[in-house]
Protein backbone atom coordinates (compact mmCIF):
# COMPACT_ATOMS: atom_id res chain seq x y z
CA MET A 1 -76.90 87.82 -115.34
CA LYS A 2 -78.00 90.71 -113.07
CA VAL A 3 -78.55 88.34 -109.92
CA LYS A 4 -75.16 88.61 -108.22
CA TYR A 5 -76.17 86.28 -105.33
CA ILE A 6 -76.01 82.56 -104.94
CA VAL A 7 -78.37 81.72 -102.04
CA LEU A 8 -77.39 78.78 -99.90
CA LEU A 9 -79.74 77.79 -96.88
CA LEU A 10 -77.93 75.63 -94.52
CA VAL A 11 -79.78 74.30 -91.40
CA ALA A 12 -78.07 71.85 -89.13
CA ILE A 13 -80.41 69.85 -87.00
CA VAL A 14 -78.81 67.37 -84.27
CA PRO A 15 -81.73 65.58 -82.65
CA ASP A 16 -81.31 64.44 -78.94
CA LYS A 17 -81.73 60.88 -78.26
CA LEU A 18 -85.14 61.55 -76.78
CA PHE A 19 -86.35 62.60 -80.18
CA SER A 20 -87.15 60.31 -83.11
CA GLN A 21 -87.36 61.28 -86.76
CA GLY A 22 -91.04 61.51 -87.60
CA GLY A 23 -93.80 63.89 -87.49
CA SER A 24 -97.39 64.09 -87.33
CA ASN A 25 -99.03 60.70 -86.97
CA TYR A 26 -102.08 62.08 -88.50
CA SER A 27 -100.14 62.56 -91.90
CA SER A 28 -100.60 58.65 -92.25
CA ILE A 29 -103.99 59.49 -93.72
CA GLY A 30 -104.70 60.25 -97.35
CA ILE A 31 -101.90 62.27 -98.99
CA GLY A 32 -100.65 63.59 -95.54
CA ASP A 33 -100.40 67.29 -94.36
CA LEU A 34 -101.34 69.84 -96.81
CA PHE A 35 -99.50 72.99 -97.45
CA PRO A 36 -101.98 75.73 -98.62
CA SER A 37 -99.21 78.40 -98.29
CA THR A 38 -95.69 77.25 -97.95
CA ASN A 39 -94.13 80.77 -97.74
CA ALA A 40 -92.94 82.11 -94.48
CA ALA A 41 -94.32 85.56 -95.28
CA TYR A 42 -97.91 84.31 -95.21
CA GLN A 43 -97.42 81.69 -92.50
CA ALA A 44 -96.67 84.46 -90.19
CA ILE A 45 -100.08 85.81 -90.66
CA GLY A 46 -102.08 82.79 -89.84
CA SER A 47 -101.47 81.55 -93.45
CA THR A 48 -103.73 84.40 -94.90
CA PHE A 49 -102.41 84.91 -98.48
CA ILE A 50 -105.54 85.27 -100.78
CA SER A 51 -105.74 89.07 -100.74
CA VAL A 52 -102.45 90.30 -98.98
CA PRO A 53 -100.40 92.33 -101.39
CA ALA A 54 -96.68 91.53 -100.93
CA GLU A 55 -93.95 93.18 -103.08
CA ASN A 56 -91.18 90.88 -101.83
CA SER A 57 -92.84 87.51 -101.57
CA ILE A 58 -94.37 85.07 -104.09
CA ASN A 59 -97.99 83.97 -103.55
CA VAL A 60 -98.54 80.21 -104.69
CA LYS A 61 -102.29 79.82 -104.67
CA ASN A 62 -103.48 83.22 -106.04
CA PRO A 63 -101.53 84.02 -109.24
CA ALA A 64 -103.33 87.24 -109.50
CA MET A 65 -101.39 88.60 -106.58
CA TRP A 66 -98.18 88.47 -108.76
CA SER A 67 -99.51 91.72 -110.32
CA VAL A 68 -98.00 93.68 -107.22
CA ALA A 69 -94.61 92.32 -107.57
CA SER A 70 -92.07 95.25 -108.04
CA SER A 71 -88.74 93.31 -109.18
CA THR A 72 -87.49 90.20 -110.36
CA ARG A 73 -87.03 87.92 -107.27
CA ILE A 74 -85.40 84.53 -106.34
CA LEU A 75 -86.85 82.87 -103.12
CA LEU A 76 -85.78 79.88 -101.22
CA GLY A 77 -87.47 78.43 -98.17
CA TYR A 78 -86.81 75.86 -95.42
CA ASN A 79 -89.36 74.27 -92.94
CA PHE A 80 -88.70 72.40 -89.67
CA ASN A 81 -91.38 70.84 -87.67
CA GLN A 82 -91.54 69.41 -84.14
CA HIS A 83 -94.34 67.47 -82.77
CA LEU A 84 -95.37 66.20 -79.30
CA ASN A 85 -97.76 63.29 -79.92
CA GLU A 86 -99.97 62.17 -76.83
CA THR A 87 -102.15 59.18 -76.71
CA SER A 88 -104.08 58.38 -73.38
CA ASP A 89 -100.96 56.92 -71.89
CA GLU A 90 -98.04 57.61 -73.87
CA THR A 91 -96.06 60.43 -75.21
CA LEU A 92 -93.49 60.92 -78.01
CA LEU A 93 -91.28 63.87 -79.58
CA GLN A 94 -90.88 63.61 -83.15
CA ASN A 95 -89.22 66.21 -85.57
CA ASN A 96 -88.48 66.54 -89.39
CA GLY A 97 -87.38 69.34 -91.66
CA LYS A 98 -86.71 69.96 -95.44
CA ILE A 99 -86.43 72.52 -98.14
CA SER A 100 -89.97 73.80 -98.63
CA GLY A 101 -89.54 75.46 -102.03
CA LEU A 102 -87.82 77.29 -104.71
CA PHE A 103 -89.74 80.37 -106.57
CA THR A 104 -88.85 82.77 -109.14
CA ILE A 105 -90.93 85.78 -110.41
CA PHE A 106 -90.08 87.96 -113.33
CA ASN A 107 -91.75 91.50 -113.05
CA ILE A 108 -91.97 92.70 -116.50
CA ASP A 109 -94.25 95.69 -116.25
CA LYS A 110 -95.43 97.00 -112.83
CA SER A 111 -97.96 99.63 -114.09
CA LEU A 112 -99.84 96.77 -116.21
CA GLY A 113 -99.08 94.10 -113.31
CA ILE A 114 -97.48 91.74 -115.93
CA SER A 115 -95.57 89.23 -114.23
CA VAL A 116 -94.39 85.57 -114.92
CA CYS A 117 -93.72 83.04 -112.13
CA PHE A 118 -92.54 79.65 -111.89
CA GLY A 119 -91.26 77.56 -109.02
CA LEU A 120 -91.26 74.14 -107.15
CA HIS A 121 -92.53 73.60 -103.80
CA SER A 122 -94.13 71.02 -101.23
CA TYR A 123 -97.96 70.22 -101.77
CA SER A 124 -98.10 67.72 -99.11
CA ASN A 125 -96.09 65.92 -96.54
CA ILE A 126 -95.98 62.48 -95.15
CA ASN A 127 -93.72 61.75 -92.10
CA TYR A 128 -94.78 59.57 -89.27
CA LEU A 129 -93.59 56.78 -87.09
CA VAL A 130 -95.77 55.02 -84.41
CA SER A 131 -95.91 51.46 -82.98
CA ASN A 132 -98.32 49.61 -80.83
CA LYS A 133 -98.20 46.39 -79.10
CA PHE A 134 -100.93 43.53 -79.82
CA THR A 135 -101.92 40.22 -78.16
CA ILE A 136 -103.52 37.56 -80.12
CA GLU A 137 -105.31 34.74 -78.51
CA LYS A 138 -106.20 31.60 -80.72
CA ASP A 139 -106.65 27.83 -80.08
CA GLY A 140 -105.49 28.14 -76.60
CA LEU A 141 -102.10 29.98 -77.60
CA THR A 142 -101.21 33.56 -76.87
CA GLN A 143 -99.06 35.43 -79.05
CA THR A 144 -97.72 38.89 -78.21
CA GLY A 145 -95.63 41.40 -80.45
CA LYS A 146 -95.55 44.96 -81.95
CA ASN A 147 -96.49 46.64 -85.07
CA THR A 148 -94.40 49.58 -86.24
CA PHE A 149 -96.09 51.89 -88.64
CA GLN A 150 -93.91 54.30 -90.73
CA GLY A 151 -94.51 56.61 -93.65
CA SER A 152 -92.67 59.13 -95.76
CA GLY A 153 -92.62 61.26 -98.80
CA GLY A 154 -95.46 63.33 -100.05
CA LEU A 155 -96.45 65.35 -103.12
CA SER A 156 -94.42 68.03 -104.89
CA SER A 157 -95.79 70.76 -107.37
CA ALA A 158 -93.98 72.48 -110.34
CA TYR A 159 -95.96 75.35 -111.66
CA LEU A 160 -95.74 78.20 -114.41
CA GLY A 161 -97.97 81.19 -114.70
CA ALA A 162 -98.42 84.89 -115.40
CA SER A 163 -100.58 87.83 -114.06
CA ALA A 164 -101.78 91.13 -115.66
CA LYS A 165 -104.06 94.04 -114.83
CA ILE A 166 -106.98 94.12 -116.97
CA ILE A 167 -108.30 97.47 -115.64
CA ASP A 168 -106.48 99.79 -113.10
CA ASN A 169 -107.73 98.08 -109.82
CA LEU A 170 -108.44 94.65 -111.15
CA ALA A 171 -105.80 91.97 -111.73
CA VAL A 172 -106.13 88.48 -112.90
CA GLY A 173 -103.64 85.45 -113.11
CA ALA A 174 -103.34 81.85 -113.96
CA SER A 175 -100.99 79.17 -113.83
CA THR A 176 -100.68 75.49 -114.77
CA PHE A 177 -98.73 72.86 -112.60
CA ALA A 178 -97.65 69.45 -112.30
CA VAL A 179 -98.21 67.31 -109.05
CA PHE A 180 -96.06 64.44 -108.39
CA GLY A 181 -94.09 62.39 -105.85
CA PRO A 182 -93.24 59.40 -103.96
CA ILE A 183 -95.34 57.93 -101.02
CA LYS A 184 -94.17 55.09 -98.83
CA ASN A 185 -96.07 53.42 -96.15
CA SER A 186 -94.81 50.43 -94.23
CA VAL A 187 -95.89 48.08 -91.55
CA TYR A 188 -93.30 45.92 -89.64
CA THR A 189 -94.52 43.19 -87.31
CA GLU A 190 -92.28 41.88 -84.74
CA PHE A 191 -93.30 39.03 -82.51
CA ASP A 192 -91.88 38.43 -78.85
CA ASP A 193 -91.76 34.61 -79.56
CA TYR A 194 -88.45 33.50 -80.78
CA TYR A 195 -90.04 30.88 -82.91
CA SER A 196 -92.19 33.20 -84.71
CA TYR A 197 -91.23 34.89 -87.96
CA ASN A 198 -91.26 38.82 -88.32
CA TYR A 199 -92.55 40.19 -91.63
CA GLU A 200 -92.90 43.53 -93.22
CA VAL A 201 -95.28 44.82 -95.89
CA ILE A 202 -94.07 48.01 -97.88
CA LYS A 203 -96.33 49.81 -100.19
CA SER A 204 -94.46 52.28 -102.37
CA ASP A 205 -96.58 54.62 -104.59
CA TYR A 206 -95.74 57.12 -106.97
CA ALA A 207 -98.18 59.85 -108.10
CA THR A 208 -98.64 62.06 -111.05
CA SER A 209 -101.28 64.68 -112.10
CA TRP A 210 -101.67 68.21 -113.42
CA GLY A 211 -103.87 71.05 -112.48
CA ALA A 212 -104.54 74.77 -112.98
CA ARG A 213 -105.19 77.75 -110.74
CA PHE A 214 -107.20 81.03 -111.37
CA GLY A 215 -107.07 84.02 -109.39
CA ALA A 216 -108.45 87.51 -108.93
CA TYR A 217 -107.41 90.67 -107.11
CA TYR A 218 -109.27 93.82 -106.70
CA ASN A 219 -108.14 96.82 -104.68
CA TYR A 220 -109.85 99.98 -103.92
CA GLU A 221 -107.85 102.53 -102.02
CA ASN A 222 -107.01 100.78 -98.79
CA LEU A 223 -109.40 97.51 -99.37
CA HIS A 224 -107.98 94.45 -101.01
CA ILE A 225 -110.27 91.46 -102.22
CA GLY A 226 -108.87 88.27 -103.83
CA ALA A 227 -110.35 84.96 -104.82
CA PHE A 228 -108.46 81.76 -106.36
CA TYR A 229 -109.86 78.47 -107.70
CA GLU A 230 -107.55 75.19 -108.05
CA TYR A 231 -108.50 72.35 -110.13
CA VAL A 232 -106.39 69.17 -110.12
CA ASP A 233 -107.00 66.10 -112.72
CA ASP A 234 -107.57 62.56 -111.56
CA ILE A 235 -104.26 61.54 -109.88
CA LYS A 236 -102.63 58.45 -111.03
CA PHE A 237 -100.81 56.08 -108.79
CA LYS A 238 -98.17 53.38 -109.67
CA ARG A 239 -97.63 51.07 -106.86
CA GLU A 240 -95.11 48.41 -105.72
CA THR A 241 -96.14 46.17 -102.75
CA GLN A 242 -93.41 44.37 -101.22
CA PHE A 243 -93.75 41.29 -98.88
CA SER A 244 -90.58 40.30 -97.00
CA SER A 245 -89.78 38.01 -94.24
CA THR A 246 -86.73 35.93 -92.88
CA VAL A 247 -88.22 32.64 -94.20
CA ILE A 248 -89.53 33.45 -97.55
CA THR A 249 -88.03 35.15 -100.72
CA ASP A 250 -89.22 38.71 -101.10
CA THR A 251 -92.45 39.19 -103.10
CA ILE A 252 -93.29 42.31 -105.15
CA ILE A 253 -96.49 43.00 -106.88
CA LYS A 254 -97.11 45.90 -109.14
CA SER A 255 -100.31 47.65 -109.82
CA SER A 256 -102.02 50.95 -110.88
CA PHE A 257 -105.07 52.89 -110.07
CA THR A 258 -106.55 56.34 -110.33
CA GLU A 259 -108.27 58.59 -107.75
CA LYS A 260 -110.29 61.63 -108.05
CA PHE A 261 -108.29 64.61 -106.72
CA PRO A 262 -110.31 67.38 -104.79
CA SER A 263 -110.48 71.05 -105.76
CA GLN A 264 -109.94 73.81 -103.63
CA TYR A 265 -111.28 77.45 -103.72
CA GLY A 266 -111.00 80.80 -101.33
CA VAL A 267 -111.74 84.27 -100.95
CA GLY A 268 -109.84 86.79 -99.01
CA LEU A 269 -110.40 90.34 -97.77
CA SER A 270 -107.48 92.75 -96.25
CA TYR A 271 -107.66 96.41 -95.22
CA LYS A 272 -104.66 98.78 -94.61
CA THR A 273 -104.96 101.59 -92.06
CA GLY A 274 -101.98 103.58 -91.17
CA LYS A 275 -99.07 101.17 -90.61
CA PHE A 276 -101.11 98.09 -90.25
CA LEU A 277 -102.80 95.61 -92.65
CA LEU A 278 -105.57 93.34 -91.29
CA SER A 279 -106.49 90.31 -93.25
CA SER A 280 -108.83 87.32 -93.29
CA ASP A 281 -109.18 84.18 -95.66
CA PHE A 282 -111.71 81.43 -96.04
CA MET A 283 -110.89 78.25 -97.87
CA MET A 284 -112.72 75.14 -98.93
CA MET A 285 -111.32 71.68 -99.98
CA LYS A 286 -113.52 69.34 -101.60
CA PHE A 287 -112.32 65.85 -100.22
CA LYS A 288 -115.53 64.11 -99.54
CA ASP A 289 -115.13 61.77 -102.83
CA PHE A 290 -111.36 61.14 -102.29
CA GLY A 291 -110.16 57.56 -101.67
CA TYR A 292 -106.62 57.23 -101.36
CA ASN A 293 -105.16 55.58 -98.23
CA PRO A 294 -107.67 55.76 -95.67
CA ILE A 295 -106.87 54.04 -92.39
CA SER A 296 -109.00 51.81 -90.22
CA ASN A 297 -112.22 53.58 -88.95
CA SER A 298 -111.59 56.64 -91.10
CA GLU A 299 -113.38 58.49 -93.92
CA PHE A 300 -112.55 61.48 -95.96
CA THR A 301 -114.65 64.72 -95.75
CA ASP A 302 -114.77 68.13 -97.10
CA ALA A 303 -112.47 70.58 -95.26
CA TYR A 304 -112.25 74.22 -94.39
CA LYS A 305 -109.98 76.70 -93.14
CA LEU A 306 -110.45 80.32 -91.44
CA SER A 307 -107.79 82.46 -90.86
CA PHE A 308 -106.94 86.08 -89.52
CA GLY A 309 -103.58 88.05 -89.78
CA ALA A 310 -102.11 91.38 -88.92
CA ILE A 311 -99.01 93.07 -90.30
CA ARG A 312 -97.31 96.22 -88.63
CA TYR A 313 -95.07 97.64 -91.48
CA GLY A 314 -91.66 98.98 -90.74
CA SER A 315 -90.12 102.31 -92.08
CA ALA A 316 -89.20 102.31 -95.71
CA SER A 317 -86.09 104.39 -94.97
CA ARG A 318 -82.76 102.75 -95.28
CA PHE A 319 -81.48 105.18 -92.70
CA SER A 320 -84.05 103.90 -89.93
CA ASP A 321 -82.78 101.54 -87.32
CA LEU A 322 -83.17 97.81 -88.21
CA LEU A 323 -85.72 97.06 -85.67
CA ASP A 324 -87.86 99.98 -87.05
CA ARG A 325 -87.45 98.51 -90.68
CA ILE A 326 -88.92 95.06 -89.92
CA ASN A 327 -92.43 94.20 -90.72
CA TYR A 328 -93.90 92.34 -87.74
CA LYS A 329 -96.55 89.87 -88.25
CA ALA A 330 -98.95 87.74 -86.31
CA GLY A 331 -101.98 85.66 -87.07
CA ILE A 332 -104.31 82.79 -85.93
CA TYR A 333 -106.21 80.09 -87.70
CA TYR A 334 -108.88 77.31 -87.32
CA GLN A 335 -109.34 74.38 -89.69
CA LYS A 336 -111.35 71.12 -90.23
CA LEU A 337 -109.15 68.54 -91.74
CA TYR A 338 -110.03 66.54 -94.62
CA TYR A 339 -110.77 63.23 -92.60
CA LYS A 340 -112.78 61.91 -89.70
CA ILE A 341 -111.65 59.12 -87.38
CA ASN A 342 -114.48 57.06 -85.67
CA ASN A 343 -117.01 59.65 -86.92
CA GLN A 344 -115.20 62.44 -85.19
CA ASP A 345 -113.97 65.40 -87.09
CA ILE A 346 -110.17 66.24 -86.69
CA LYS A 347 -109.94 69.98 -85.96
CA GLU A 348 -106.65 72.21 -85.79
CA LEU A 349 -105.90 75.44 -84.25
CA GLY A 350 -102.86 77.54 -84.52
CA VAL A 351 -101.15 80.80 -83.82
CA SER A 352 -98.31 82.49 -85.63
CA LEU A 353 -95.51 85.27 -85.35
CA GLY A 354 -92.97 86.33 -87.76
CA GLY A 355 -91.05 89.28 -89.18
CA GLU A 356 -89.78 90.35 -92.73
CA ILE A 357 -86.33 91.57 -92.25
CA PRO A 358 -84.47 93.55 -94.88
CA LEU A 359 -80.86 92.50 -95.67
CA GLY A 360 -80.07 95.28 -97.79
CA SER A 361 -79.34 95.34 -101.82
CA GLY A 362 -82.82 93.99 -102.32
CA GLY A 363 -82.36 90.85 -99.94
CA ILE A 364 -85.33 89.86 -97.44
CA LEU A 365 -85.27 87.44 -94.75
CA ASP A 366 -88.68 86.03 -93.72
CA VAL A 367 -89.22 83.89 -90.33
CA ALA A 368 -92.45 82.50 -89.21
CA VAL A 369 -93.04 80.33 -86.09
CA VAL A 370 -96.44 78.50 -85.97
CA LEU A 371 -97.70 76.82 -82.69
CA GLY A 372 -100.72 74.67 -82.75
CA ASN A 373 -102.57 71.62 -81.66
CA ARG A 374 -104.92 69.11 -83.43
CA GLY A 375 -107.00 66.06 -82.32
CA LYS A 376 -107.42 64.95 -78.90
CA ALA A 377 -106.19 62.07 -76.73
CA ASN A 378 -108.46 59.12 -76.25
CA ASP A 379 -108.74 55.47 -76.95
CA TYR A 380 -108.78 56.17 -80.68
CA LEU A 381 -107.15 59.62 -81.30
CA ILE A 382 -103.96 61.26 -80.77
CA ASN A 383 -103.27 64.63 -79.25
CA GLU A 384 -100.66 66.48 -81.42
CA TYR A 385 -99.06 69.82 -80.50
CA PHE A 386 -96.68 71.02 -82.93
CA GLY A 387 -94.34 73.83 -83.55
CA ARG A 388 -93.26 74.72 -87.17
CA LEU A 389 -90.45 77.12 -88.20
CA PHE A 390 -90.48 78.57 -91.59
CA VAL A 391 -87.43 80.45 -92.83
CA GLU A 392 -87.15 81.98 -96.47
CA ILE A 393 -84.43 84.27 -98.00
CA SER A 394 -84.97 86.02 -101.33
CA VAL A 395 -83.04 88.49 -103.39
CA GLY A 396 -84.39 90.91 -106.07
CA GLU A 397 -83.67 93.29 -108.79
CA ILE A 398 -85.29 95.40 -111.47
CA TRP A 399 -84.62 93.53 -114.71
CA PHE A 400 -87.16 95.23 -116.95
CA LYS A 401 -87.50 99.00 -117.65
CA PRO A 402 -91.15 100.27 -117.81
CA PHE A 403 -92.58 100.32 -121.29
CA LYS A 404 -92.59 103.86 -122.75
CA ARG A 405 -96.28 105.18 -123.10
CA ARG A 406 -97.60 107.99 -124.99
CA TYR A 407 -100.39 109.96 -123.18
CA GLU A 408 -102.58 112.48 -125.30
């Protein structure tokens, strides 16, 4: 074994009593919040990734970008989210965090762009906690209480793929992947009247599917162009619905169903000038025919995302000061999410900052901070401000010597 490192990422979060463990209440819809790019290296540039060459990171969505890898590399990432959720009359701070992915790439031949890559990462995340009071009037009686809605889980993806150059300036790549994971949604109804019985309904789903990604990458001098397409087969759900109360025996009903899963595709453009690289992506996600877990007064719709990023490359010399060797990054993005509520599109705007910090002996520390806003506060919607911290550490070594070639 040439890799001499064991990478441990330990993050201690001690929430204050004013914070509750939760996250985006919009993640209660569908399969939750999506992660087009989980890596800190790309989150720092507005989540642009389709055409951004990065020797020291691993591109999940466009497998053709593996052709620019220069070493065999192992990467581990962590993501922490802080949310401030506002309604027309209330505010709530919530946070959550978890390991975002583990990735490995084997660079077999750099000149031919041959690399093999596999990994496990978050595909979507569900983490919400919200409650509302209710009043019911019937037959001259008034009943008051509170409903608490809570959800957790999300989808993960395990993938395997490869890339290669078919001509000097054009690389292609493909990967196959599995999508799987648990999703849990519950509603707990609590009455103020002592003589009424509280009850809870819990829906526990487990999802499985598979898919494939195809990517292309073309570079001409300082211009880089990329594109990808992602197909996911129909996703299968196995559900257990549990009804529980203090006065009746718990009842569990098992069922299964299938939903059509949306495809995704995108194009990207980047250009390097001097020490700077400027990039832009456009992505489409076809959710219009999706049907899993809508909430009241909601419907699914096609989504899109437009993002811009910039990198200021540091010095490649090991003798330079550390601050001069850091790759500084910034970005901005705008997206329309894949659902409507009361016929209103839910839109998100975010800005990002980050850096790629060399650690010596092939180690890299990537850090990205994303600040943004989605929705708006009124009688039906939530205004959500969020901060996301992405941290990933990777180590790399050259495992494979270049193939010998004869030039005549």
